[in-house]
Amino acid sequence: MKKFFIAAIGALTLAAPVGAVPIEIPIGLDGRTAWIFSPDTSGDDFTYFVEVLRQDVEGDILLNYTNIDNESIGYAWVDCKRDQISFDGGKWEYVDHRNTVGWHSDIACGRPVR
């Protein structure tokens, strides 16, 4: 429910699709953050959140995707060194920085989101 209210506030700040970017939001008292992807930023028909969960021993970063009800809708692993991403256990593919997947990679790899 907390994410629902945050999404509503975030949606108000994304007035125009031109130049719209995902918004970083705090999601806990421990300093964790997530990113809101609204239809304006992602081109999807729904709002979702992306959170960096952890890094494995090989250096890959795990992203978790949730909806506004905080239900998991998927995950991805990002290999920052090779600029590749694997969605929901699928094959590794190169990141296309011209679309939303590029933002997912930027979030995982600690790069500034454009």
N, C-alpha and C. Protein backbone atom coordinates (compact mmCIF):
# COMPACT_ATOMS: atom_id res chain seq x y z
N MET A 1 0.82 -1.19 0.00
CA MET A 1 0.00 0.00 0.00
C MET A 1 0.87 1.26 0.00
N LYS A 2 2.00 1.19 0.71
CA LYS A 2 2.91 2.33 0.76
C LYS A 2 3.38 2.69 -0.64
N LYS A 3 3.71 1.68 -1.45
CA LYS A 3 4.17 1.95 -2.81
C LYS A 3 3.06 2.55 -3.66
N PHE A 4 1.81 2.21 -3.37
CA PHE A 4 0.69 2.77 -4.13
C PHE A 4 0.66 4.29 -3.96
N PHE A 5 0.79 4.76 -2.72
CA PHE A 5 0.77 6.20 -2.47
C PHE A 5 1.98 6.89 -3.06
N ILE A 6 3.13 6.24 -2.96
CA ILE A 6 4.34 6.80 -3.56
C ILE A 6 4.20 6.87 -5.07
N ALA A 7 3.60 5.85 -5.67
CA ALA A 7 3.40 5.85 -7.12
C ALA A 7 2.47 6.97 -7.53
N ALA A 8 1.44 7.21 -6.74
CA ALA A 8 0.50 8.29 -7.06
C ALA A 8 1.21 9.64 -7.02
N ILE A 9 2.04 9.84 -6.01
CA ILE A 9 2.80 11.09 -5.92
C ILE A 9 3.79 11.18 -7.07
N GLY A 10 4.48 10.06 -7.35
CA GLY A 10 5.44 10.04 -8.45
C GLY A 10 4.80 10.31 -9.79
N ALA A 11 3.61 9.78 -9.99
CA ALA A 11 2.90 9.99 -11.26
C ALA A 11 2.57 11.46 -11.46
N LEU A 12 2.29 12.16 -10.39
CA LEU A 12 2.00 13.58 -10.49
C LEU A 12 3.22 14.39 -10.90
N THR A 13 4.40 13.92 -10.52
CA THR A 13 5.61 14.65 -10.86
C THR A 13 6.05 14.40 -12.29
N LEU A 14 5.49 13.40 -12.95
CA LEU A 14 5.83 13.10 -14.34
C LEU A 14 4.75 13.70 -15.25
N ALA A 15 4.80 14.99 -15.41
CA ALA A 15 3.74 15.67 -16.13
C ALA A 15 3.77 15.41 -17.62
N ALA A 16 4.95 15.29 -18.21
CA ALA A 16 5.03 15.15 -19.66
C ALA A 16 5.89 13.97 -20.03
N PRO A 17 5.46 13.18 -21.02
CA PRO A 17 6.25 12.03 -21.43
C PRO A 17 7.58 12.40 -22.07
N VAL A 18 7.67 13.59 -22.66
CA VAL A 18 8.91 14.00 -23.30
C VAL A 18 9.94 14.30 -22.22
N GLY A 19 11.03 13.56 -22.24
CA GLY A 19 12.08 13.75 -21.26
C GLY A 19 11.78 13.14 -19.91
N ALA A 20 10.69 12.39 -19.80
CA ALA A 20 10.34 11.77 -18.53
C ALA A 20 11.37 10.70 -18.19
N VAL A 21 11.74 10.65 -16.92
CA VAL A 21 12.69 9.65 -16.44
C VAL A 21 12.11 8.98 -15.21
N PRO A 22 12.56 7.78 -14.89
CA PRO A 22 12.10 7.14 -13.65
C PRO A 22 12.55 7.96 -12.45
N ILE A 23 11.82 7.81 -11.36
CA ILE A 23 12.09 8.58 -10.15
C ILE A 23 12.58 7.64 -9.06
N GLU A 24 13.68 8.01 -8.42
CA GLU A 24 14.21 7.23 -7.30
C GLU A 24 13.46 7.63 -6.04
N ILE A 25 13.03 6.61 -5.28
CA ILE A 25 12.27 6.86 -4.04
C ILE A 25 12.84 6.02 -2.90
N PRO A 26 12.82 6.53 -1.67
CA PRO A 26 13.22 5.72 -0.52
C PRO A 26 12.11 4.71 -0.21
N ILE A 27 12.49 3.48 0.13
CA ILE A 27 11.48 2.47 0.44
C ILE A 27 11.65 1.85 1.81
N GLY A 28 12.59 2.35 2.58
CA GLY A 28 12.78 1.82 3.92
C GLY A 28 13.65 2.74 4.74
N LEU A 29 13.67 2.49 6.02
CA LEU A 29 14.48 3.31 6.92
C LEU A 29 15.96 2.95 6.85
N ASP A 30 16.27 1.85 6.15
CA ASP A 30 17.66 1.38 6.07
C ASP A 30 18.41 1.98 4.88
N GLY A 31 17.83 2.98 4.21
CA GLY A 31 18.50 3.62 3.09
C GLY A 31 18.23 2.99 1.74
N ARG A 32 17.40 1.93 1.70
CA ARG A 32 17.09 1.29 0.42
C ARG A 32 16.24 2.22 -0.44
N THR A 33 16.44 2.11 -1.74
CA THR A 33 15.64 2.89 -2.68
C THR A 33 15.13 1.98 -3.78
N ALA A 34 14.11 2.46 -4.45
CA ALA A 34 13.58 1.80 -5.63
C ALA A 34 13.33 2.89 -6.67
N TRP A 35 13.07 2.48 -7.88
CA TRP A 35 12.79 3.42 -8.96
C TRP A 35 11.38 3.17 -9.48
N ILE A 36 10.62 4.23 -9.65
CA ILE A 36 9.27 4.14 -10.20
C ILE A 36 9.34 4.28 -11.72
N PHE A 37 8.76 3.32 -12.41
CA PHE A 37 8.60 3.39 -13.86
C PHE A 37 7.11 3.52 -14.15
N SER A 38 6.69 4.67 -14.58
CA SER A 38 5.28 4.91 -14.91
C SER A 38 5.07 4.62 -16.39
N PRO A 39 3.83 4.60 -16.85
CA PRO A 39 3.60 4.43 -18.30
C PRO A 39 4.32 5.49 -19.13
N ASP A 40 4.48 6.69 -18.59
CA ASP A 40 5.18 7.74 -19.33
C ASP A 40 6.66 7.43 -19.51
N THR A 41 7.28 6.78 -18.54
CA THR A 41 8.71 6.49 -18.65
C THR A 41 9.00 5.17 -19.33
N SER A 42 8.08 4.21 -19.18
CA SER A 42 8.38 2.86 -19.69
C SER A 42 7.65 2.50 -20.97
N GLY A 43 6.55 3.19 -21.24
CA GLY A 43 5.75 2.81 -22.40
C GLY A 43 4.81 1.65 -22.12
N ASP A 44 4.88 1.08 -20.92
CA ASP A 44 3.97 0.01 -20.52
C ASP A 44 2.63 0.60 -20.09
N ASP A 45 1.66 -0.25 -19.85
CA ASP A 45 0.34 0.21 -19.44
C ASP A 45 0.17 0.26 -17.93
N PHE A 46 1.23 0.06 -17.17
CA PHE A 46 1.13 0.02 -15.72
C PHE A 46 2.38 0.61 -15.09
N THR A 47 2.29 0.90 -13.81
CA THR A 47 3.41 1.42 -13.05
C THR A 47 4.09 0.26 -12.33
N TYR A 48 5.41 0.25 -12.34
CA TYR A 48 6.14 -0.78 -11.62
C TYR A 48 7.39 -0.18 -10.97
N PHE A 49 7.97 -0.94 -10.07
CA PHE A 49 9.14 -0.51 -9.32
C PHE A 49 10.31 -1.44 -9.61
N VAL A 50 11.50 -0.88 -9.64
CA VAL A 50 12.73 -1.65 -9.81
C VAL A 50 13.61 -1.39 -8.58
N GLU A 51 14.05 -2.47 -7.95
CA GLU A 51 14.90 -2.36 -6.77
C GLU A 51 16.12 -3.25 -6.95
N VAL A 52 17.29 -2.71 -6.60
CA VAL A 52 18.52 -3.50 -6.59
C VAL A 52 18.52 -4.32 -5.30
N LEU A 53 18.58 -5.66 -5.44
CA LEU A 53 18.55 -6.52 -4.26
C LEU A 53 19.94 -6.88 -3.74
N ARG A 54 20.81 -7.35 -4.65
CA ARG A 54 22.13 -7.79 -4.18
C ARG A 54 23.06 -8.03 -5.36
N GLN A 55 24.32 -8.27 -5.02
CA GLN A 55 25.33 -8.61 -6.01
C GLN A 55 25.86 -9.99 -5.67
N ASP A 56 26.00 -10.86 -6.69
CA ASP A 56 26.51 -12.20 -6.43
C ASP A 56 28.03 -12.24 -6.49
N VAL A 57 28.62 -13.40 -6.25
CA VAL A 57 30.08 -13.53 -6.21
C VAL A 57 30.74 -13.26 -7.56
N GLU A 58 29.99 -13.42 -8.64
CA GLU A 58 30.53 -13.14 -9.97
C GLU A 58 30.42 -11.67 -10.35
N GLY A 59 29.76 -10.88 -9.51
CA GLY A 59 29.63 -9.45 -9.76
C GLY A 59 28.32 -9.05 -10.42
N ASP A 60 27.46 -10.02 -10.73
CA ASP A 60 26.17 -9.70 -11.35
C ASP A 60 25.23 -9.11 -10.32
N ILE A 61 24.39 -8.19 -10.76
CA ILE A 61 23.47 -7.46 -9.89
C ILE A 61 22.05 -7.98 -10.12
N LEU A 62 21.35 -8.29 -9.02
CA LEU A 62 19.97 -8.78 -9.08
C LEU A 62 19.00 -7.62 -8.90
N LEU A 63 18.10 -7.46 -9.87
CA LEU A 63 17.03 -6.47 -9.80
C LEU A 63 15.72 -7.19 -9.55
N ASN A 64 14.86 -6.60 -8.73
CA ASN A 64 13.53 -7.14 -8.48
C ASN A 64 12.50 -6.14 -9.01
N TYR A 65 11.49 -6.67 -9.71
CA TYR A 65 10.42 -5.85 -10.27
C TYR A 65 9.14 -6.16 -9.51
N THR A 66 8.48 -5.10 -9.01
CA THR A 66 7.22 -5.28 -8.29
C THR A 66 6.19 -4.30 -8.82
N ASN A 67 4.92 -4.64 -8.60
CA ASN A 67 3.85 -3.73 -8.98
C ASN A 67 3.50 -2.83 -7.80
N ILE A 68 2.48 -1.98 -7.94
CA ILE A 68 2.16 -1.05 -6.87
C ILE A 68 1.60 -1.74 -5.63
N ASP A 69 1.18 -2.99 -5.76
CA ASP A 69 0.73 -3.76 -4.60
C ASP A 69 1.86 -4.53 -3.94
N ASN A 70 3.09 -4.23 -4.35
CA ASN A 70 4.30 -4.87 -3.84
C ASN A 70 4.36 -6.37 -4.14
N GLU A 71 3.71 -6.78 -5.22
CA GLU A 71 3.77 -8.17 -5.67
C GLU A 71 4.87 -8.30 -6.71
N SER A 72 5.66 -9.34 -6.60
CA SER A 72 6.74 -9.55 -7.56
C SER A 72 6.18 -9.81 -8.95
N ILE A 73 6.75 -9.12 -9.94
CA ILE A 73 6.34 -9.34 -11.33
C ILE A 73 7.51 -9.81 -12.19
N GLY A 74 8.65 -10.03 -11.54
CA GLY A 74 9.80 -10.55 -12.27
C GLY A 74 11.11 -10.12 -11.66
N TYR A 75 12.19 -10.56 -12.28
CA TYR A 75 13.52 -10.19 -11.83
C TYR A 75 14.46 -10.19 -13.01
N ALA A 76 15.63 -9.63 -12.82
CA ALA A 76 16.65 -9.62 -13.86
C ALA A 76 18.02 -9.62 -13.20
N TRP A 77 18.97 -10.24 -13.89
CA TRP A 77 20.37 -10.16 -13.51
C TRP A 77 21.06 -9.26 -14.52
N VAL A 78 21.95 -8.39 -14.04
CA VAL A 78 22.68 -7.48 -14.92
C VAL A 78 24.17 -7.73 -14.73
N ASP A 79 24.86 -7.92 -15.85
CA ASP A 79 26.32 -8.04 -15.87
C ASP A 79 26.86 -6.70 -16.35
N CYS A 80 27.32 -5.88 -15.42
CA CYS A 80 27.76 -4.52 -15.75
C CYS A 80 29.02 -4.51 -16.63
N LYS A 81 29.91 -5.47 -16.41
CA LYS A 81 31.15 -5.51 -17.19
C LYS A 81 30.90 -5.82 -18.66
N ARG A 82 29.96 -6.72 -18.93
CA ARG A 82 29.67 -7.12 -20.31
C ARG A 82 28.49 -6.36 -20.91
N ASP A 83 27.84 -5.52 -20.09
CA ASP A 83 26.66 -4.75 -20.51
C ASP A 83 25.57 -5.68 -21.03
N GLN A 84 25.26 -6.73 -20.22
CA GLN A 84 24.24 -7.70 -20.59
C GLN A 84 23.21 -7.83 -19.46
N ILE A 85 22.02 -8.32 -19.84
CA ILE A 85 20.93 -8.51 -18.88
C ILE A 85 20.23 -9.83 -19.18
N SER A 86 19.74 -10.47 -18.12
CA SER A 86 18.98 -11.71 -18.25
C SER A 86 17.69 -11.55 -17.46
N PHE A 87 16.56 -11.62 -18.15
CA PHE A 87 15.25 -11.46 -17.51
C PHE A 87 14.68 -12.81 -17.10
N ASP A 88 14.25 -12.90 -15.85
CA ASP A 88 13.54 -14.08 -15.32
C ASP A 88 14.23 -15.40 -15.65
N GLY A 89 15.56 -15.42 -15.58
CA GLY A 89 16.31 -16.64 -15.81
C GLY A 89 16.54 -16.98 -17.28
N GLY A 90 16.20 -16.07 -18.16
CA GLY A 90 16.39 -16.30 -19.60
C GLY A 90 17.83 -16.11 -20.02
N LYS A 91 18.04 -16.17 -21.32
CA LYS A 91 19.41 -16.04 -21.84
C LYS A 91 19.91 -14.61 -21.70
N TRP A 92 21.22 -14.48 -21.63
CA TRP A 92 21.85 -13.17 -21.55
C TRP A 92 21.69 -12.46 -22.88
N GLU A 93 21.35 -11.19 -22.83
CA GLU A 93 21.26 -10.38 -24.05
C GLU A 93 21.91 -9.02 -23.78
N TYR A 94 22.43 -8.42 -24.84
CA TYR A 94 23.07 -7.12 -24.67
C TYR A 94 22.03 -6.06 -24.36
N VAL A 95 22.41 -5.12 -23.51
CA VAL A 95 21.51 -4.04 -23.09
C VAL A 95 21.36 -3.05 -24.23
N ASP A 96 20.13 -2.69 -24.51
CA ASP A 96 19.83 -1.66 -25.50
C ASP A 96 19.61 -0.36 -24.73
N HIS A 97 20.55 0.55 -24.81
CA HIS A 97 20.49 1.78 -24.04
C HIS A 97 19.54 2.81 -24.66
N ARG A 98 18.84 2.44 -25.72
CA ARG A 98 17.86 3.34 -26.34
C ARG A 98 16.46 3.12 -25.78
N ASN A 99 16.31 2.16 -24.86
CA ASN A 99 14.98 1.89 -24.31
C ASN A 99 15.05 1.73 -22.79
N THR A 100 13.96 1.32 -22.18
CA THR A 100 13.86 1.20 -20.73
C THR A 100 14.88 0.22 -20.16
N VAL A 101 15.25 -0.80 -20.90
CA VAL A 101 16.25 -1.77 -20.42
C VAL A 101 17.56 -1.06 -20.11
N GLY A 102 17.87 -0.02 -20.86
CA GLY A 102 19.06 0.77 -20.58
C GLY A 102 19.00 1.44 -19.21
N TRP A 103 17.81 1.90 -18.83
CA TRP A 103 17.63 2.48 -17.50
C TRP A 103 17.81 1.41 -16.43
N HIS A 104 17.27 0.21 -16.67
CA HIS A 104 17.42 -0.88 -15.70
C HIS A 104 18.91 -1.16 -15.47
N SER A 105 19.67 -1.21 -16.55
CA SER A 105 21.11 -1.44 -16.46
C SER A 105 21.79 -0.31 -15.71
N ASP A 106 21.42 0.93 -16.00
CA ASP A 106 22.02 2.08 -15.32
C ASP A 106 21.77 2.02 -13.82
N ILE A 107 20.56 1.64 -13.44
CA ILE A 107 20.22 1.53 -12.02
C ILE A 107 21.08 0.44 -11.36
N ALA A 108 21.18 -0.71 -12.00
CA ALA A 108 21.96 -1.82 -11.43
C ALA A 108 23.44 -1.48 -11.31
N CYS A 109 23.96 -0.80 -12.31
CA CYS A 109 25.39 -0.55 -12.37
C CYS A 109 25.80 0.76 -11.71
N GLY A 110 24.85 1.45 -11.10
CA GLY A 110 25.17 2.68 -10.39
C GLY A 110 25.52 3.85 -11.29
N ARG A 111 25.07 3.77 -12.54
CA ARG A 111 25.31 4.89 -13.45
C ARG A 111 24.17 5.90 -13.31
N PRO A 112 24.43 7.15 -13.60
CA PRO A 112 23.35 8.14 -13.53
C PRO A 112 22.25 7.79 -14.53
N VAL A 113 21.01 7.85 -14.07
CA VAL A 113 19.87 7.62 -14.95
C VAL A 113 19.65 8.90 -15.73
N ARG A 114 19.59 8.79 -17.05
CA ARG A 114 19.51 9.98 -17.90
C ARG A 114 18.24 10.75 -17.75
